[in-house]
Amino acid sequence: MLYTNLKHIESAAEQVEIINENSQVVIICGRMGPMCIPVYRIAEELETEYKHVKFYDMEFDNPESDIIRSLPEVQEFSSVPFIIWYKNGKVVQSTSGIQTKAQVTAILDQEFSDTFYA
């Protein structure tokens, strides 16, 4: 279990349902470690700013997170968390490792800006 204030995804079926029902989703797949915790905190903070984006976490070591770990977009990744950015059910961006708020907001603005100011 991840101890964050984000909504948790516990199964692959739930993950599929979420990305199919929401047009803009960010899933942070990680652990409670020093590379992941800052990214969770950034996402928790940005949830209030980017209300049109749904932020979730998923435990990296859960067998159900194979749905994330097996994506072609993450095959070269070597550090957690894996951050997957979905738009209309498709992966539009994927990143890994510790990131700054500026890096995360740059991707949010680039990938999800069409509805940000609507």
C-alpha atoms as a PDB file:
ATOM      1  CA  MET A   1       0.000   0.000   0.000  1.00  0.00           C
ATOM      2  CA  LEU A   2       1.230   3.464  -0.863  1.00  0.00           C
ATOM      3  CA  TYR A   3       0.764   6.056   1.860  1.00  0.00           C
ATOM      4  CA  THR A   4      -0.107   9.062  -0.263  1.00  0.00           C
ATOM      5  CA  ASN A   5      -3.123  11.338  -0.507  1.00  0.00           C
ATOM      6  CA  LEU A   6      -3.601  10.359  -4.140  1.00  0.00           C
ATOM      7  CA  LYS A   7      -6.333   7.979  -5.236  1.00  0.00           C
ATOM      8  CA  HIS A   8      -4.954   4.442  -5.330  1.00  0.00           C
ATOM      9  CA  ILE A   9      -5.279   1.952  -8.169  1.00  0.00           C
ATOM     10  CA  GLU A  10      -5.181  -1.602  -6.903  1.00  0.00           C
ATOM     11  CA  SER A  11      -5.914  -3.685 -10.004  1.00  0.00           C
ATOM     12  CA  ALA A  12      -5.253  -3.734 -13.722  1.00  0.00           C
ATOM     13  CA  ALA A  13      -9.009  -3.788 -14.362  1.00  0.00           C
ATOM     14  CA  GLU A  14      -9.447  -0.653 -12.265  1.00  0.00           C
ATOM     15  CA  GLN A  15      -6.615   1.050 -14.167  1.00  0.00           C
ATOM     16  CA  VAL A  16      -8.251   0.262 -17.525  1.00  0.00           C
ATOM     17  CA  GLU A  17     -11.589   1.581 -16.269  1.00  0.00           C
ATOM     18  CA  ILE A  18     -10.001   4.823 -15.049  1.00  0.00           C
ATOM     19  CA  ILE A  19      -8.200   5.626 -18.291  1.00  0.00           C
ATOM     20  CA  ASN A  20     -11.293   4.749 -20.318  1.00  0.00           C
ATOM     21  CA  GLU A  21     -13.590   6.940 -18.209  1.00  0.00           C
ATOM     22  CA  ASN A  22     -11.315   9.987 -17.884  1.00  0.00           C
ATOM     23  CA  SER A  23      -9.777  11.912 -20.753  1.00  0.00           C
ATOM     24  CA  GLN A  24      -6.643  13.050 -18.889  1.00  0.00           C
ATOM     25  CA  VAL A  25      -4.966  10.792 -16.356  1.00  0.00           C
ATOM     26  CA  VAL A  26      -1.552  10.679 -14.680  1.00  0.00           C
ATOM     27  CA  ILE A  27      -0.551   7.438 -12.962  1.00  0.00           C
ATOM     28  CA  ILE A  28       2.529   7.350 -10.764  1.00  0.00           C
ATOM     29  CA  CYS A  29       3.680   3.768 -10.343  1.00  0.00           C
ATOM     30  CA  GLY A  30       6.241   3.540  -7.584  1.00  0.00           C
ATOM     31  CA  ARG A  31       7.233   2.703  -4.043  1.00  0.00           C
ATOM     32  CA  MET A  32       7.496   4.615  -0.782  1.00  0.00           C
ATOM     33  CA  GLY A  33      11.100   5.521  -1.425  1.00  0.00           C
ATOM     34  CA  PRO A  34      13.260   8.631  -1.794  1.00  0.00           C
ATOM     35  CA  MET A  35      12.814   8.866  -5.585  1.00  0.00           C
ATOM     36  CA  CYS A  36       9.033   8.453  -5.468  1.00  0.00           C
ATOM     37  CA  ILE A  37       7.838  10.399  -2.423  1.00  0.00           C
ATOM     38  CA  PRO A  38       8.709  13.843  -3.870  1.00  0.00           C
ATOM     39  CA  VAL A  39       6.790  13.010  -7.049  1.00  0.00           C
ATOM     40  CA  TYR A  40       3.724  11.931  -5.064  1.00  0.00           C
ATOM     41  CA  ARG A  41       3.869  15.205  -3.123  1.00  0.00           C
ATOM     42  CA  ILE A  42       4.077  17.226  -6.333  1.00  0.00           C
ATOM     43  CA  ALA A  43       1.060  15.381  -7.756  1.00  0.00           C
ATOM     44  CA  GLU A  44      -0.894  15.928  -4.534  1.00  0.00           C
ATOM     45  CA  GLU A  45      -0.185  19.641  -4.773  1.00  0.00           C
ATOM     46  CA  LEU A  46      -1.020  19.883  -8.483  1.00  0.00           C
ATOM     47  CA  GLU A  47      -4.366  18.079  -8.109  1.00  0.00           C
ATOM     48  CA  THR A  48      -5.953  21.312  -6.925  1.00  0.00           C
ATOM     49  CA  GLU A  49      -4.387  23.334  -9.741  1.00  0.00           C
ATOM     50  CA  TYR A  50      -5.102  20.898 -12.588  1.00  0.00           C
ATOM     51  CA  LYS A  51      -8.640  19.836 -11.711  1.00  0.00           C
ATOM     52  CA  HIS A  52      -9.256  18.527 -15.237  1.00  0.00           C
ATOM     53  CA  VAL A  53      -6.482  15.928 -14.764  1.00  0.00           C
ATOM     54  CA  LYS A  54      -7.010  12.829 -12.624  1.00  0.00           C
ATOM     55  CA  PHE A  55      -3.947  11.854 -10.575  1.00  0.00           C
ATOM     56  CA  TYR A  56      -3.500   8.312  -9.235  1.00  0.00           C
ATOM     57  CA  ASP A  57      -0.811   6.128  -7.743  1.00  0.00           C
ATOM     58  CA  MET A  58      -0.212   2.422  -8.207  1.00  0.00           C
ATOM     59  CA  GLU A  59       2.149   0.272  -6.190  1.00  0.00           C
ATOM     60  CA  PHE A  60       5.076  -0.818  -8.368  1.00  0.00           C
ATOM     61  CA  ASP A  61       5.523  -4.161  -6.594  1.00  0.00           C
ATOM     62  CA  ASN A  62       1.866  -5.171  -6.900  1.00  0.00           C
ATOM     63  CA  PRO A  63       1.552  -7.915  -9.551  1.00  0.00           C
ATOM     64  CA  GLU A  64      -1.390  -5.925 -10.952  1.00  0.00           C
ATOM     65  CA  SER A  65       0.942  -3.078 -11.899  1.00  0.00           C
ATOM     66  CA  ASP A  66       2.362  -5.271 -14.647  1.00  0.00           C
ATOM     67  CA  ILE A  67      -0.131  -3.372 -16.812  1.00  0.00           C
ATOM     68  CA  ILE A  68       2.175  -0.363 -16.354  1.00  0.00           C
ATOM     69  CA  ARG A  69       5.528  -2.194 -16.199  1.00  0.00           C
ATOM     70  CA  SER A  70       4.839  -3.981 -19.509  1.00  0.00           C
ATOM     71  CA  LEU A  71       4.060  -0.847 -21.536  1.00  0.00           C
ATOM     72  CA  PRO A  72       6.432  -0.404 -24.483  1.00  0.00           C
ATOM     73  CA  GLU A  73       6.981   3.196 -23.352  1.00  0.00           C
ATOM     74  CA  VAL A  74       8.687   2.090 -20.112  1.00  0.00           C
ATOM     75  CA  GLN A  75      10.900  -0.763 -21.296  1.00  0.00           C
ATOM     76  CA  GLU A  76      14.066   1.332 -21.131  1.00  0.00           C
ATOM     77  CA  PHE A  77      13.284   2.817 -17.700  1.00  0.00           C
ATOM     78  CA  SER A  78      15.637   1.910 -14.870  1.00  0.00           C
ATOM     79  CA  SER A  79      14.290   3.921 -11.935  1.00  0.00           C
ATOM     80  CA  VAL A  80      10.987   4.439 -10.193  1.00  0.00           C
ATOM     81  CA  PRO A  81       8.548   5.995 -10.185  1.00  0.00           C
ATOM     82  CA  PHE A  82       7.194   5.357 -13.642  1.00  0.00           C
ATOM     83  CA  ILE A  83       4.886   8.229 -14.536  1.00  0.00           C
ATOM     84  CA  ILE A  84       2.422   7.545 -17.310  1.00  0.00           C
ATOM     85  CA  TRP A  85       0.427  10.371 -18.882  1.00  0.00           C
ATOM     86  CA  TYR A  86      -2.784   9.244 -20.625  1.00  0.00           C
ATOM     87  CA  LYS A  87      -4.960  11.333 -22.904  1.00  0.00           C
ATOM     88  CA  ASN A  88      -8.149   9.843 -24.302  1.00  0.00           C
ATOM     89  CA  GLY A  89      -7.010   6.358 -23.313  1.00  0.00           C
ATOM     90  CA  LYS A  90      -3.592   6.551 -24.987  1.00  0.00           C
ATOM     91  CA  VAL A  91      -0.123   7.065 -23.523  1.00  0.00           C
ATOM     92  CA  VAL A  92       1.048  10.530 -24.580  1.00  0.00           C
ATOM     93  CA  GLN A  93       4.096  10.772 -22.326  1.00  0.00           C
ATOM     94  CA  SER A  94       6.060   8.567 -19.949  1.00  0.00           C
ATOM     95  CA  THR A  95       8.823   9.530 -17.562  1.00  0.00           C
ATOM     96  CA  SER A  96      10.728   7.888 -14.752  1.00  0.00           C
ATOM     97  CA  GLY A  97      12.701   8.800 -11.683  1.00  0.00           C
ATOM     98  CA  ILE A  98      12.585  11.821  -9.453  1.00  0.00           C
ATOM     99  CA  GLN A  99      11.228  14.964 -11.079  1.00  0.00           C
ATOM    100  CA  THR A 100      10.742  18.572 -10.100  1.00  0.00           C
ATOM    101  CA  LYS A 101       7.465  20.432 -10.009  1.00  0.00           C
ATOM    102  CA  ALA A 102       8.628  22.462 -13.017  1.00  0.00           C
ATOM    103  CA  GLN A 103       9.245  19.284 -15.020  1.00  0.00           C
ATOM    104  CA  VAL A 104       5.836  17.862 -14.125  1.00  0.00           C
ATOM    105  CA  THR A 105       3.950  21.081 -14.854  1.00  0.00           C
ATOM    106  CA  ALA A 106       5.762  21.462 -18.188  1.00  0.00           C
ATOM    107  CA  ILE A 107       4.430  18.073 -19.289  1.00  0.00           C
ATOM    108  CA  LEU A 108       0.949  18.824 -17.923  1.00  0.00           C
ATOM    109  CA  ASP A 109       0.878  22.103 -19.843  1.00  0.00           C
ATOM    110  CA  GLN A 110       2.224  20.504 -23.009  1.00  0.00           C
ATOM    111  CA  GLU A 111      -0.002  17.414 -23.063  1.00  0.00           C
ATOM    112  CA  PHE A 112      -3.165  18.650 -21.371  1.00  0.00           C
ATOM    113  CA  SER A 113      -3.237  22.372 -22.140  1.00  0.00           C
ATOM    114  CA  ASP A 114      -6.147  22.196 -24.589  1.00  0.00           C
ATOM    115  CA  THR A 115      -8.644  22.017 -21.735  1.00  0.00           C
ATOM    116  CA  PHE A 116      -6.631  23.749 -19.038  1.00  0.00           C
ATOM    117  CA  TYR A 117      -7.903  27.223 -19.835  1.00  0.00           C
ATOM    118  CA  ALA A 118     -11.368  26.215 -21.000  1.00  0.00           C
END
